[in-house]
Structures are given as structure tokens and as C-alpha cells.
Amino acid sequence: MDIGRARTLRKHLTEAEQRLWQELKRRQLAGMKFRRQQLIGPFIVDFVCFERRVIVEVDGGQYAEQSQYDADRTRWLEAQGYRVLRFWNNEVLAQTDAVAQAILECVDRRV
């Protein structure tokens, strides 16, 4: 994956990613800067706070088909010192505040 692909993904967020981005952008969450669709090693992650090394992934229905890939990917990212949080699309859409609170709690713990 490359930077061009990450740029394309930034322009075409899913509905759930758009909703979550509204909570994360402009340092709205604990003053932390989040970036969307960022390249880390060989992977593009949905959202990342580099300062606290927290990655947030939003998974849709395709997750079941790629669960082994995602497990390997998560292990690699964690080996690089990141904490990976995963939320389902419907969870983000139906419980946006609870998801944002869970992210906030994780960011606060990783001082």
C-alpha cells in the first residue's frame, strides 16, 4: 500500500468513518491530534494518534473474511508500540458518544 492509496481512502470515508472523524478531528478529543487513513509500515490505518500511539480501526461487514489478515496486522502494529482499538460500523453509528469515550479513556491511559 502506498501514500496514493491512503489519499484516495481519505477522500472516500465510509459513513461510520465520517461520523467518527467528526469526533476526532481538530484536537477535539483530549487535545490529541488524530490523523485519518495513515500509512504505518506496510499498512494503512483508519485513524491514528501518533503522540499516544493509539490506532482506531472501524470494521464493516467484510471483517469476517479478513479476520486472519487483521489479526496479523494488529500483532505487527502492537509490536511497533501501538494500541489498536476496533469498533464495528454499526457501533460507531449507533453509539458514537460511547465509542468516543472509549477512545478518550485509552488515550488518557497512554500518557
Protein backbone atom coordinates (compact mmCIF):
# COMPACT_ATOMS: atom_id res chain seq x y z
CA MET A 1 0.00 0.00 0.00
CA ASP A 2 1.25 3.46 -0.69
CA ILE A 3 0.63 7.12 0.00
CA GLY A 4 -1.56 7.49 -3.11
CA ARG A 5 -3.91 4.79 -1.84
CA ALA A 6 -4.06 6.46 1.59
CA ARG A 7 -5.01 9.75 -0.07
CA THR A 8 -7.77 8.03 -2.03
CA LEU A 9 -9.12 6.41 1.15
CA ARG A 10 -9.13 9.80 2.92
CA LYS A 11 -11.41 11.14 0.18
CA HIS A 12 -13.80 8.18 0.40
CA LEU A 13 -14.51 7.52 4.06
CA THR A 14 -17.36 5.22 4.99
CA GLU A 15 -20.35 6.71 6.80
CA ALA A 16 -19.05 5.33 10.11
CA GLU A 17 -15.56 6.71 9.48
CA GLN A 18 -17.05 10.12 8.64
CA ARG A 19 -19.06 10.10 11.87
CA LEU A 20 -16.04 9.18 13.97
CA TRP A 21 -13.83 11.71 12.20
CA GLN A 22 -16.25 14.42 13.31
CA GLU A 23 -15.35 13.46 16.91
CA LEU A 24 -11.59 13.13 16.39
CA LYS A 25 -10.59 15.98 14.08
CA ARG A 26 -9.25 19.37 15.20
CA ARG A 27 -7.93 18.02 18.51
CA GLN A 28 -11.47 17.73 19.91
CA LEU A 29 -10.66 14.61 21.91
CA ALA A 30 -8.40 15.44 24.88
CA GLY A 31 -6.50 17.88 22.69
CA MET A 32 -4.91 14.96 20.86
CA LYS A 33 -4.17 15.16 17.13
CA PHE A 34 -5.62 12.28 15.15
CA ARG A 35 -4.87 11.61 11.51
CA ARG A 36 -7.04 9.55 9.18
CA GLN A 37 -6.03 6.89 6.69
CA GLN A 38 -2.34 6.96 7.56
CA LEU A 39 0.43 4.72 6.33
CA ILE A 40 2.28 2.89 9.13
CA GLY A 41 4.83 0.43 7.82
CA PRO A 42 3.10 -1.67 5.18
CA PHE A 43 -0.42 -0.85 6.43
CA ILE A 44 -2.95 1.96 6.16
CA VAL A 45 -4.81 2.52 9.43
CA ASP A 46 -8.17 4.29 9.74
CA PHE A 47 -7.19 6.75 12.49
CA VAL A 48 -4.03 7.24 14.50
CA CYS A 49 -2.83 9.46 17.31
CA PHE A 50 0.95 9.32 16.91
CA GLU A 51 1.56 11.19 20.17
CA ARG A 52 -0.14 8.48 22.26
CA ARG A 53 0.45 5.64 19.74
CA VAL A 54 -3.24 4.76 19.54
CA ILE A 55 -4.82 3.38 16.36
CA VAL A 56 -8.59 3.24 15.84
CA GLU A 57 -9.99 0.84 13.25
CA VAL A 58 -13.61 0.87 12.06
CA ASP A 59 -14.65 -2.52 10.72
CA GLY A 60 -17.55 -3.27 8.40
CA GLY A 61 -19.12 -6.48 7.18
CA GLN A 62 -16.00 -7.54 5.28
CA TYR A 63 -14.17 -8.08 8.59
CA ALA A 64 -15.16 -11.75 8.87
CA GLU A 65 -13.48 -12.55 5.55
CA GLN A 66 -10.23 -10.88 6.53
CA SER A 67 -10.05 -11.67 10.24
CA GLN A 68 -6.71 -13.52 9.97
CA TYR A 69 -5.18 -10.66 7.98
CA ASP A 70 -6.43 -8.16 10.56
CA ALA A 71 -5.13 -10.28 13.44
CA ASP A 72 -1.67 -10.43 11.85
CA ARG A 73 -1.84 -6.71 11.10
CA THR A 74 -2.81 -5.91 14.70
CA ARG A 75 0.05 -8.03 16.05
CA TRP A 76 2.52 -6.20 13.81
CA LEU A 77 1.20 -2.76 14.83
CA GLU A 78 1.26 -3.70 18.52
CA ALA A 79 4.85 -4.91 18.12
CA GLN A 80 5.64 -1.37 16.92
CA GLY A 81 4.25 0.01 20.20
CA TYR A 82 0.71 0.94 19.11
CA ARG A 83 -2.52 0.14 20.92
CA VAL A 84 -5.17 -0.89 18.38
CA LEU A 85 -8.86 -0.27 19.14
CA ARG A 86 -11.51 -1.84 16.89
CA PHE A 87 -15.13 -0.83 16.54
CA TRP A 88 -17.86 -2.11 14.22
CA ASN A 89 -19.51 0.32 11.78
CA ASN A 90 -22.90 -0.11 13.45
CA GLU A 91 -21.34 0.53 16.87
CA VAL A 92 -19.85 3.83 15.66
CA LEU A 93 -23.12 4.88 14.01
CA ALA A 94 -25.44 3.92 16.88
CA GLN A 95 -23.19 4.75 19.85
CA THR A 96 -20.84 7.48 18.66
CA ASP A 97 -20.52 9.07 22.09
CA ALA A 98 -19.68 5.74 23.77
CA VAL A 99 -17.05 4.98 21.11
CA ALA A 100 -15.51 8.44 21.53
CA GLN A 101 -15.47 7.91 25.31
CA ALA A 102 -13.69 4.55 24.92
CA ILE A 103 -11.07 6.19 22.69
CA LEU A 104 -10.65 9.04 25.18
CA GLU A 105 -10.11 6.60 28.04
CA CYS A 106 -7.46 4.75 26.03
CA VAL A 107 -5.68 7.96 25.05
CA ASP A 108 -5.72 9.17 28.66
CA ARG A 109 -4.17 5.89 29.89
CA ARG A 110 -1.29 6.05 27.39
CA VAL A 111 0.45 9.10 28.78
